[in-house]
PDB file of all heavy atoms in Angstrom:
ATOM      1  N   VAL A   1      44.494  78.159 -14.048  1.00  0.00           N
ATOM      2  CA  VAL A   1      43.495  77.062 -14.038  1.00  0.00           C
ATOM      3  C   VAL A   1      42.155  77.582 -13.546  1.00  0.00           C
ATOM      4  O   VAL A   1      42.025  78.083 -12.368  1.00  0.00           O
ATOM      5  CB  VAL A   1      43.917  75.901 -13.117  1.00  0.00           C
ATOM      6  CG1 VAL A   1      42.874  74.790 -13.152  1.00  0.00           C
ATOM      7  CG2 VAL A   1      45.279  75.305 -13.608  1.00  0.00           C
ATOM      8  N   GLU A   2      41.200  77.555 -14.447  1.00  0.00           N
ATOM      9  CA  GLU A   2      39.816  78.053 -14.135  1.00  0.00           C
ATOM     10  C   GLU A   2      38.994  76.929 -13.663  1.00  0.00           C
ATOM     11  O   GLU A   2      39.088  75.789 -14.088  1.00  0.00           O
ATOM     12  CB  GLU A   2      39.208  78.713 -15.385  1.00  0.00           C
ATOM     13  CG  GLU A   2      39.959  79.838 -16.022  1.00  0.00           C
ATOM     14  CD  GLU A   2      40.973  79.408 -17.057  1.00  0.00           C
ATOM     15  OE1 GLU A   2      41.207  78.153 -17.150  1.00  0.00           O
ATOM     16  OE2 GLU A   2      41.485  80.236 -17.841  1.00  0.00           O
ATOM     17  N   SER A   3      38.047  77.223 -12.730  1.00  0.00           N
ATOM     18  CA  SER A   3      37.083  76.265 -12.251  1.00  0.00           C
ATOM     19  C   SER A   3      35.819  76.991 -11.847  1.00  0.00           C
ATOM     20  O   SER A   3      35.829  78.210 -11.691  1.00  0.00           O
ATOM     21  CB  SER A   3      37.681  75.499 -11.081  1.00  0.00           C
ATOM     22  OG  SER A   3      37.996  76.381 -10.047  1.00  0.00           O
ATOM     23  N   GLY A   4      34.801  76.184 -11.529  1.00  0.00           N
ATOM     24  CA  GLY A   4      33.572  76.754 -10.962  1.00  0.00           C
ATOM     25  C   GLY A   4      32.408  76.869 -12.001  1.00  0.00           C
ATOM     26  O   GLY A   4      31.303  77.220 -11.623  1.00  0.00           O
ATOM     27  N   GLY A   5      32.668  76.550 -13.261  1.00  0.00           N
ATOM     28  CA  GLY A   5      31.610  76.594 -14.237  1.00  0.00           C
ATOM     29  C   GLY A   5      30.588  75.482 -14.047  1.00  0.00           C
ATOM     30  O   GLY A   5      30.717  74.582 -13.197  1.00  0.00           O
ATOM     31  N   GLY A   6      29.469  75.571 -14.843  1.00  0.00           N
ATOM     32  CA  GLY A   6      28.466  74.566 -14.755  1.00  0.00           C
ATOM     33  C   GLY A   6      27.238  74.976 -15.445  1.00  0.00           C
ATOM     34  O   GLY A   6      27.209  75.968 -16.201  1.00  0.00           O
ATOM     35  N   LEU A   7      26.200  74.233 -15.257  1.00  0.00           N
ATOM     36  CA  LEU A   7      24.832  74.516 -15.836  1.00  0.00           C
ATOM     37  C   LEU A   7      23.959  75.123 -14.749  1.00  0.00           C
ATOM     38  O   LEU A   7      23.862  74.604 -13.639  1.00  0.00           O
ATOM     39  CB  LEU A   7      24.241  73.180 -16.337  1.00  0.00           C
ATOM     40  CG  LEU A   7      22.841  73.273 -16.880  1.00  0.00           C
ATOM     41  CD1 LEU A   7      22.693  74.194 -18.090  1.00  0.00           C
ATOM     42  CD2 LEU A   7      22.302  71.829 -17.203  1.00  0.00           C
ATOM     43  N   VAL A   8      23.393  76.230 -15.107  1.00  0.00           N
ATOM     44  CA  VAL A   8      22.538  76.955 -14.163  1.00  0.00           C
ATOM     45  C   VAL A   8      21.290  77.516 -14.876  1.00  0.00           C
ATOM     46  O   VAL A   8      21.400  77.836 -16.090  1.00  0.00           O
ATOM     47  CB  VAL A   8      23.297  78.048 -13.386  1.00  0.00           C
ATOM     48  CG1 VAL A   8      23.774  79.105 -14.401  1.00  0.00           C
ATOM     49  CG2 VAL A   8      22.552  78.616 -12.256  1.00  0.00           C
ATOM     50  N   GLN A   9      20.272  77.683 -14.163  1.00  0.00           N
ATOM     51  CA  GLN A   9      19.023  78.281 -14.776  1.00  0.00           C
ATOM     52  C   GLN A   9      19.193  79.782 -14.839  1.00  0.00           C
ATOM     53  O   GLN A   9      19.895  80.435 -14.017  1.00  0.00           O
ATOM     54  CB  GLN A   9      17.790  77.862 -13.965  1.00  0.00           C
ATOM     55  CG  GLN A   9      17.382  76.431 -14.181  1.00  0.00           C
ATOM     56  CD  GLN A   9      16.066  76.107 -13.520  1.00  0.00           C
ATOM     57  OE1 GLN A   9      15.620  76.786 -12.572  1.00  0.00           O
ATOM     58  NE2 GLN A   9      15.350  75.128 -14.070  1.00  0.00           N
ATOM     59  N   SER A  10      18.436  80.357 -15.746  1.00  0.00           N
ATOM     60  CA  SER A  10      18.447  81.833 -15.830  1.00  0.00           C
ATOM     61  C   SER A  10      18.014  82.419 -14.446  1.00  0.00           C
ATOM     62  O   SER A  10      17.074  81.991 -13.836  1.00  0.00           O
ATOM     63  CB  SER A  10      17.425  82.266 -16.956  1.00  0.00           C
ATOM     64  OG  SER A  10      17.359  83.643 -17.123  1.00  0.00           O
ATOM     65  N   GLY A  11      18.775  83.452 -14.104  1.00  0.00           N
ATOM     66  CA  GLY A  11      18.548  84.101 -12.805  1.00  0.00           C
ATOM     67  C   GLY A  11      19.438  83.508 -11.660  1.00  0.00           C
ATOM     68  O   GLY A  11      19.454  84.103 -10.575  1.00  0.00           O
ATOM     69  N   GLY A  12      20.101  82.428 -11.963  1.00  0.00           N
ATOM     70  CA  GLY A  12      20.954  81.810 -10.925  1.00  0.00           C
ATOM     71  C   GLY A  12      22.308  82.489 -10.826  1.00  0.00           C
ATOM     72  O   GLY A  12      22.598  83.426 -11.492  1.00  0.00           O
ATOM     73  N   SER A  13      23.174  81.813 -10.002  1.00  0.00           N
ATOM     74  CA  SER A  13      24.449  82.377  -9.696  1.00  0.00           C
ATOM     75  C   SER A  13      25.558  81.314  -9.829  1.00  0.00           C
ATOM     76  O   SER A  13      25.297  80.138  -9.609  1.00  0.00           O
ATOM     77  CB  SER A  13      24.506  82.973  -8.307  1.00  0.00           C
ATOM     78  OG  SER A  13      23.593  84.043  -8.141  1.00  0.00           O
ATOM     79  N   LEU A  14      26.715  81.730 -10.158  1.00  0.00           N
ATOM     80  CA  LEU A  14      27.891  80.869 -10.143  1.00  0.00           C
ATOM     81  C   LEU A  14      29.061  81.744  -9.688  1.00  0.00           C
ATOM     82  O   LEU A  14      29.104  82.923  -9.918  1.00  0.00           O
ATOM     83  CB  LEU A  14      28.195  80.290 -11.526  1.00  0.00           C
ATOM     84  CG  LEU A  14      27.371  79.173 -12.033  1.00  0.00           C
ATOM     85  CD1 LEU A  14      27.776  78.873 -13.465  1.00  0.00           C
ATOM     86  CD2 LEU A  14      27.554  77.949 -11.183  1.00  0.00           C
ATOM     87  N   ARG A  15      30.119  81.038  -9.085  1.00  0.00           N
ATOM     88  CA  ARG A  15      31.314  81.726  -8.703  1.00  0.00           C
ATOM     89  C   ARG A  15      32.509  81.005  -9.343  1.00  0.00           C
ATOM     90  O   ARG A  15      32.707  79.781  -9.093  1.00  0.00           O
ATOM     91  CB  ARG A  15      31.563  81.708  -7.158  1.00  0.00           C
ATOM     92  CG  ARG A  15      32.673  82.514  -6.725  1.00  0.00           C
ATOM     93  CD  ARG A  15      33.011  82.263  -5.241  1.00  0.00           C
ATOM     94  NE  ARG A  15      33.934  83.265  -4.721  1.00  0.00           N
ATOM     95  CZ  ARG A  15      34.733  83.075  -3.685  1.00  0.00           C
ATOM     96  NH1 ARG A  15      34.762  81.875  -3.147  1.00  0.00           N
ATOM     97  NH2 ARG A  15      35.480  84.015  -3.218  1.00  0.00           N
ATOM     98  N   LEU A  16      33.175  81.679 -10.217  1.00  0.00           N
ATOM     99  CA  LEU A  16      34.334  81.127 -10.883  1.00  0.00           C
ATOM    100  C   LEU A  16      35.614  81.428 -10.140  1.00  0.00           C
ATOM    101  O   LEU A  16      35.707  82.526  -9.520  1.00  0.00           O
ATOM    102  CB  LEU A  16      34.449  81.692 -12.284  1.00  0.00           C
ATOM    103  CG  LEU A  16      33.207  81.541 -13.260  1.00  0.00           C
ATOM    104  CD1 LEU A  16      33.542  82.040 -14.629  1.00  0.00           C
ATOM    105  CD2 LEU A  16      32.748  80.109 -13.263  1.00  0.00           C
ATOM    106  N   SER A  17      36.567  80.507 -10.169  1.00  0.00           N
ATOM    107  CA  SER A  17      37.875  80.766  -9.562  1.00  0.00           C
ATOM    108  C   SER A  17      38.923  80.544 -10.625  1.00  0.00           C
ATOM    109  O   SER A  17      38.805  79.778 -11.557  1.00  0.00           O
ATOM    110  CB  SER A  17      38.141  79.793  -8.402  1.00  0.00           C
ATOM    111  OG  SER A  17      37.125  79.920  -7.406  1.00  0.00           O
ATOM    112  N   CYS A  18      40.032  81.227 -10.476  1.00  0.00           N
ATOM    113  CA  CYS A  18      41.210  81.101 -11.270  1.00  0.00           C
ATOM    114  C   CYS A  18      42.493  81.059 -10.406  1.00  0.00           C
ATOM    115  O   CYS A  18      42.769  82.088  -9.792  1.00  0.00           O
ATOM    116  CB  CYS A  18      41.301  82.277 -12.297  1.00  0.00           C
ATOM    117  SG  CYS A  18      42.857  82.344 -13.205  1.00  0.00           S
ATOM    118  N   ALA A  19      43.134  79.961 -10.402  1.00  0.00           N
ATOM    119  CA  ALA A  19      44.346  79.792  -9.595  1.00  0.00           C
ATOM    120  C   ALA A  19      45.543  79.816 -10.505  1.00  0.00           C
ATOM    121  O   ALA A  19      45.567  79.240 -11.556  1.00  0.00           O
ATOM    122  CB  ALA A  19      44.234  78.475  -8.805  1.00  0.00           C
ATOM    123  N   ALA A  20      46.560  80.520 -10.032  1.00  0.00           N
ATOM    124  CA  ALA A  20      47.789  80.583 -10.909  1.00  0.00           C
ATOM    125  C   ALA A  20      49.002  80.042 -10.138  1.00  0.00           C
ATOM    126  O   ALA A  20      49.110  80.118  -8.915  1.00  0.00           O
ATOM    127  CB  ALA A  20      48.044  82.089 -11.208  1.00  0.00           C
ATOM    128  N   SER A  21      49.840  79.411 -10.966  1.00  0.00           N
ATOM    129  CA  SER A  21      51.135  79.038 -10.385  1.00  0.00           C
ATOM    130  C   SER A  21      52.073  80.259 -10.503  1.00  0.00           C
ATOM    131  O   SER A  21      51.949  81.032 -11.422  1.00  0.00           O
ATOM    132  CB  SER A  21      51.720  77.823 -11.184  1.00  0.00           C
ATOM    133  OG  SER A  21      51.955  78.248 -12.528  1.00  0.00           O
ATOM    134  N   GLY A  22      52.877  80.460  -9.517  1.00  0.00           N
ATOM    135  CA  GLY A  22      53.778  81.605  -9.630  1.00  0.00           C
ATOM    136  C   GLY A  22      53.148  82.831  -8.987  1.00  0.00           C
ATOM    137  O   GLY A  22      51.935  82.954  -8.940  1.00  0.00           O
ATOM    138  N   SER A  23      53.923  83.725  -8.521  1.00  0.00           N
ATOM    139  CA  SER A  23      53.434  84.926  -7.832  1.00  0.00           C
ATOM    140  C   SER A  23      53.330  86.096  -8.794  1.00  0.00           C
ATOM    141  O   SER A  23      54.049  87.032  -8.700  1.00  0.00           O
ATOM    142  CB  SER A  23      54.357  85.274  -6.667  1.00  0.00           C
ATOM    143  OG  SER A  23      55.714  85.470  -7.175  1.00  0.00           O
ATOM    144  N   ILE A  24      52.286  86.027  -9.709  1.00  0.00           N
ATOM    145  CA  ILE A  24      52.169  87.077 -10.699  1.00  0.00           C
ATOM    146  C   ILE A  24      51.049  88.017 -10.329  1.00  0.00           C
ATOM    147  O   ILE A  24      51.036  89.121 -10.772  1.00  0.00           O
ATOM    148  CB  ILE A  24      51.856  86.510 -12.103  1.00  0.00           C
ATOM    149  CG1 ILE A  24      50.541  85.765 -12.085  1.00  0.00           C
ATOM    150  CG2 ILE A  24      53.003  85.583 -12.516  1.00  0.00           C
ATOM    151  CD1 ILE A  24      50.096  85.366 -13.501  1.00  0.00           C
ATOM    152  N   PHE A  25      50.112  87.585  -9.497  1.00  0.00           N
ATOM    153  CA  PHE A  25      48.938  88.327  -9.266  1.00  0.00           C
ATOM    154  C   PHE A  25      49.245  89.687  -8.634  1.00  0.00           C
ATOM    155  O   PHE A  25      48.558  90.663  -8.852  1.00  0.00           O
ATOM    156  CB  PHE A  25      47.916  87.622  -8.397  1.00  0.00           C
ATOM    157  CG  PHE A  25      47.183  86.515  -9.084  1.00  0.00           C
ATOM    158  CD1 PHE A  25      46.591  85.480  -8.402  1.00  0.00           C
ATOM    159  CD2 PHE A  25      47.038  86.568 -10.495  1.00  0.00           C
ATOM    160  CE1 PHE A  25      45.865  84.541  -9.084  1.00  0.00           C
ATOM    161  CE2 PHE A  25      46.320  85.613 -11.181  1.00  0.00           C
ATOM    162  CZ  PHE A  25      45.710  84.552 -10.440  1.00  0.00           C
ATOM    163  N   SER A  26      50.201  89.721  -7.732  1.00  0.00           N
ATOM    164  CA  SER A  26      50.409  90.925  -6.973  1.00  0.00           C
ATOM    165  C   SER A  26      50.868  92.030  -7.805  1.00  0.00           C
ATOM    166  O   SER A  26      50.690  93.224  -7.371  1.00  0.00           O
ATOM    167  CB  SER A  26      51.404  90.664  -5.784  1.00  0.00           C
ATOM    168  OG  SER A  26      52.611  90.303  -6.443  1.00  0.00           O
ATOM    169  N   ILE A  27      51.438  91.827  -9.026  1.00  0.00           N
ATOM    170  CA  ILE A  27      51.929  92.916  -9.791  1.00  0.00           C
ATOM    171  C   ILE A  27      51.142  93.124 -11.097  1.00  0.00           C
ATOM    172  O   ILE A  27      51.283  94.205 -11.738  1.00  0.00           O
ATOM    173  CB  ILE A  27      53.445  92.676 -10.149  1.00  0.00           C
ATOM    174  CG1 ILE A  27      53.639  91.430 -10.974  1.00  0.00           C
ATOM    175  CG2 ILE A  27      54.328  92.651  -8.890  1.00  0.00           C
ATOM    176  CD1 ILE A  27      55.014  91.252 -11.495  1.00  0.00           C
ATOM    177  N   TYR A  28      50.371  92.184 -11.474  1.00  0.00           N
ATOM    178  CA  TYR A  28      49.616  92.324 -12.721  1.00  0.00           C
ATOM    179  C   TYR A  28      48.178  92.609 -12.552  1.00  0.00           C
ATOM    180  O   TYR A  28      47.557  92.138 -11.622  1.00  0.00           O
ATOM    181  CB  TYR A  28      49.721  90.983 -13.570  1.00  0.00           C
ATOM    182  CG  TYR A  28      51.094  90.780 -14.125  1.00  0.00           C
ATOM    183  CD1 TYR A  28      51.736  89.569 -13.904  1.00  0.00           C
ATOM    184  CD2 TYR A  28      51.692  91.692 -14.964  1.00  0.00           C
ATOM    185  CE1 TYR A  28      53.005  89.317 -14.462  1.00  0.00           C
ATOM    186  CE2 TYR A  28      52.938  91.448 -15.493  1.00  0.00           C
ATOM    187  CZ  TYR A  28      53.553  90.267 -15.238  1.00  0.00           C
ATOM    188  OH  TYR A  28      54.805  90.100 -15.802  1.00  0.00           O
ATOM    189  N   SER A  29      47.607  93.375 -13.471  1.00  0.00           N
ATOM    190  CA  SER A  29      46.147  93.414 -13.632  1.00  0.00           C
ATOM    191  C   SER A  29      45.726  92.075 -14.206  1.00  0.00           C
ATOM    192  O   SER A  29      46.402  91.520 -15.066  1.00  0.00           O
ATOM    193  CB  SER A  29      45.790  94.602 -14.592  1.00  0.00           C
ATOM    194  OG  SER A  29      46.034  95.832 -13.974  1.00  0.00           O
ATOM    195  N   MET A  30      44.526  91.642 -13.788  1.00  0.00           N
ATOM    196  CA  MET A  30      44.000  90.354 -14.208  1.00  0.00           C
ATOM    197  C   MET A  30      42.664  90.589 -14.786  1.00  0.00           C
ATOM    198  O   MET A  30      41.933  91.546 -14.433  1.00  0.00           O
ATOM    199  CB  MET A  30      43.929  89.401 -13.068  1.00  0.00           C
ATOM    200  CG  MET A  30      45.287  89.016 -12.523  1.00  0.00           C
ATOM    201  SD  MET A  30      46.408  88.167 -13.591  1.00  0.00           S
ATOM    202  CE  MET A  30      45.426  86.669 -13.907  1.00  0.00           C
ATOM    203  N   GLY A  31      42.180  89.673 -15.636  1.00  0.00           N
ATOM    204  CA  GLY A  31      40.927  89.788 -16.283  1.00  0.00           C
ATOM    205  C   GLY A  31      40.195  88.448 -16.424  1.00  0.00           C
ATOM    206  O   GLY A  31      40.886  87.423 -16.482  1.00  0.00           O
ATOM    207  N   TRP A  32      38.913  88.550 -16.489  1.00  0.00           N
ATOM    208  CA  TRP A  32      38.099  87.416 -16.886  1.00  0.00           C
ATOM    209  C   TRP A  32      37.578  87.746 -18.286  1.00  0.00           C
ATOM    210  O   TRP A  32      37.121  88.844 -18.557  1.00  0.00           O
ATOM    211  CB  TRP A  32      36.937  87.197 -16.006  1.00  0.00           C
ATOM    212  CG  TRP A  32      37.277  86.466 -14.764  1.00  0.00           C
ATOM    213  CD1 TRP A  32      37.456  87.057 -13.480  1.00  0.00           C
ATOM    214  CD2 TRP A  32      37.411  85.099 -14.542  1.00  0.00           C
ATOM    215  NE1 TRP A  32      37.753  86.077 -12.573  1.00  0.00           N
ATOM    216  CE2 TRP A  32      37.684  84.827 -13.198  1.00  0.00           C
ATOM    217  CE3 TRP A  32      37.282  84.017 -15.395  1.00  0.00           C
ATOM    218  CZ2 TRP A  32      37.933  83.566 -12.657  1.00  0.00           C
ATOM    219  CZ3 TRP A  32      37.476  82.720 -14.877  1.00  0.00           C
ATOM    220  CH2 TRP A  32      37.784  82.498 -13.543  1.00  0.00           C
ATOM    221  N   TYR A  33      37.738  86.743 -19.160  1.00  0.00           N
ATOM    222  CA  TYR A  33      37.322  86.796 -20.547  1.00  0.00           C
ATOM    223  C   TYR A  33      36.279  85.711 -20.809  1.00  0.00           C
ATOM    224  O   TYR A  33      36.273  84.693 -20.142  1.00  0.00           O
ATOM    225  CB  TYR A  33      38.514  86.636 -21.491  1.00  0.00           C
ATOM    226  CG  TYR A  33      39.588  87.653 -21.268  1.00  0.00           C
ATOM    227  CD1 TYR A  33      40.459  87.454 -20.132  1.00  0.00           C
ATOM    228  CD2 TYR A  33      39.816  88.708 -22.104  1.00  0.00           C
ATOM    229  CE1 TYR A  33      41.528  88.376 -19.982  1.00  0.00           C
ATOM    230  CE2 TYR A  33      40.840  89.639 -21.892  1.00  0.00           C
ATOM    231  CZ  TYR A  33      41.715  89.413 -20.836  1.00  0.00           C
ATOM    232  OH  TYR A  33      42.720  90.327 -20.615  1.00  0.00           O
ATOM    233  N   ARG A  34      35.567  85.833 -21.887  1.00  0.00           N
ATOM    234  CA  ARG A  34      34.615  84.767 -22.275  1.00  0.00           C
ATOM    235  C   ARG A  34      34.485  84.679 -23.815  1.00  0.00           C
ATOM    236  O   ARG A  34      34.690  85.641 -24.487  1.00  0.00           O
ATOM    237  CB  ARG A  34      33.263  84.896 -21.669  1.00  0.00           C
ATOM    238  CG  ARG A  34      32.413  86.066 -22.242  1.00  0.00           C
ATOM    239  CD  ARG A  34      31.104  86.197 -21.411  1.00  0.00           C
ATOM    240  NE  ARG A  34      30.326  87.298 -21.930  1.00  0.00           N
ATOM    241  CZ  ARG A  34      29.208  87.718 -21.279  1.00  0.00           C
ATOM    242  NH1 ARG A  34      28.756  87.110 -20.224  1.00  0.00           N
ATOM    243  NH2 ARG A  34      28.531  88.715 -21.861  1.00  0.00           N
ATOM    244  N   GLN A  35      34.190  83.451 -24.256  1.00  0.00           N
ATOM    245  CA  GLN A  35      34.010  83.208 -25.683  1.00  0.00           C
ATOM    246  C   GLN A  35      32.828  82.344 -25.898  1.00  0.00           C
ATOM    247  O   GLN A  35      32.808  81.164 -25.447  1.00  0.00           O
ATOM    248  CB  GLN A  35      35.284  82.626 -26.297  1.00  0.00           C
ATOM    249  CG  GLN A  35      35.203  82.490 -27.827  1.00  0.00           C
ATOM    250  CD  GLN A  35      36.587  82.166 -28.425  1.00  0.00           C
ATOM    251  OE1 GLN A  35      37.414  81.595 -27.756  1.00  0.00           O
ATOM    252  NE2 GLN A  35      36.677  82.494 -29.689  1.00  0.00           N
ATOM    253  N   ALA A  36      31.828  82.874 -26.525  1.00  0.00           N
ATOM    254  CA  ALA A  36      30.617  82.151 -26.896  1.00  0.00           C
ATOM    255  C   ALA A  36      30.822  81.496 -28.241  1.00  0.00           C
ATOM    256  O   ALA A  36      31.626  81.964 -29.020  1.00  0.00           O
ATOM    257  CB  ALA A  36      29.411  83.083 -26.890  1.00  0.00           C
ATOM    258  N   PRO A  37      30.126  80.455 -28.503  1.00  0.00           N
ATOM    259  CA  PRO A  37      30.301  79.779 -29.834  1.00  0.00           C
ATOM    260  C   PRO A  37      30.009  80.809 -30.987  1.00  0.00           C
ATOM    261  O   PRO A  37      29.014  81.543 -31.003  1.00  0.00           O
ATOM    262  CB  PRO A  37      29.201  78.714 -29.816  1.00  0.00           C
ATOM    263  CG  PRO A  37      28.974  78.412 -28.367  1.00  0.00           C
ATOM    264  CD  PRO A  37      29.154  79.730 -27.693  1.00  0.00           C
ATOM    265  N   GLY A  38      30.942  80.769 -31.961  1.00  0.00           N
ATOM    266  CA  GLY A  38      30.800  81.643 -33.089  1.00  0.00           C
ATOM    267  C   GLY A  38      31.127  83.129 -32.849  1.00  0.00           C
ATOM    268  O   GLY A  38      30.967  83.935 -33.766  1.00  0.00           O
ATOM    269  N   SER A  39      31.648  83.437 -31.687  1.00  0.00           N
ATOM    270  CA  SER A  39      31.985  84.796 -31.304  1.00  0.00           C
ATOM    271  C   SER A  39      33.428  84.906 -30.932  1.00  0.00           C
ATOM    272  O   SER A  39      34.127  83.943 -30.585  1.00  0.00           O
ATOM    273  CB  SER A  39      31.068  85.248 -30.120  1.00  0.00           C
ATOM    274  OG  SER A  39      29.738  85.180 -30.479  1.00  0.00           O
TER     275      SER A  39
END
């Protein structure tokens, strides 16, 4: 479950969080991905 997104002006900051059910983080590599419209 991802959270923390929003609308921000250029030059601003945001902090995204991703919470997982189950204890998978300790053994897996994790990544943040993004998808822009049309991409």
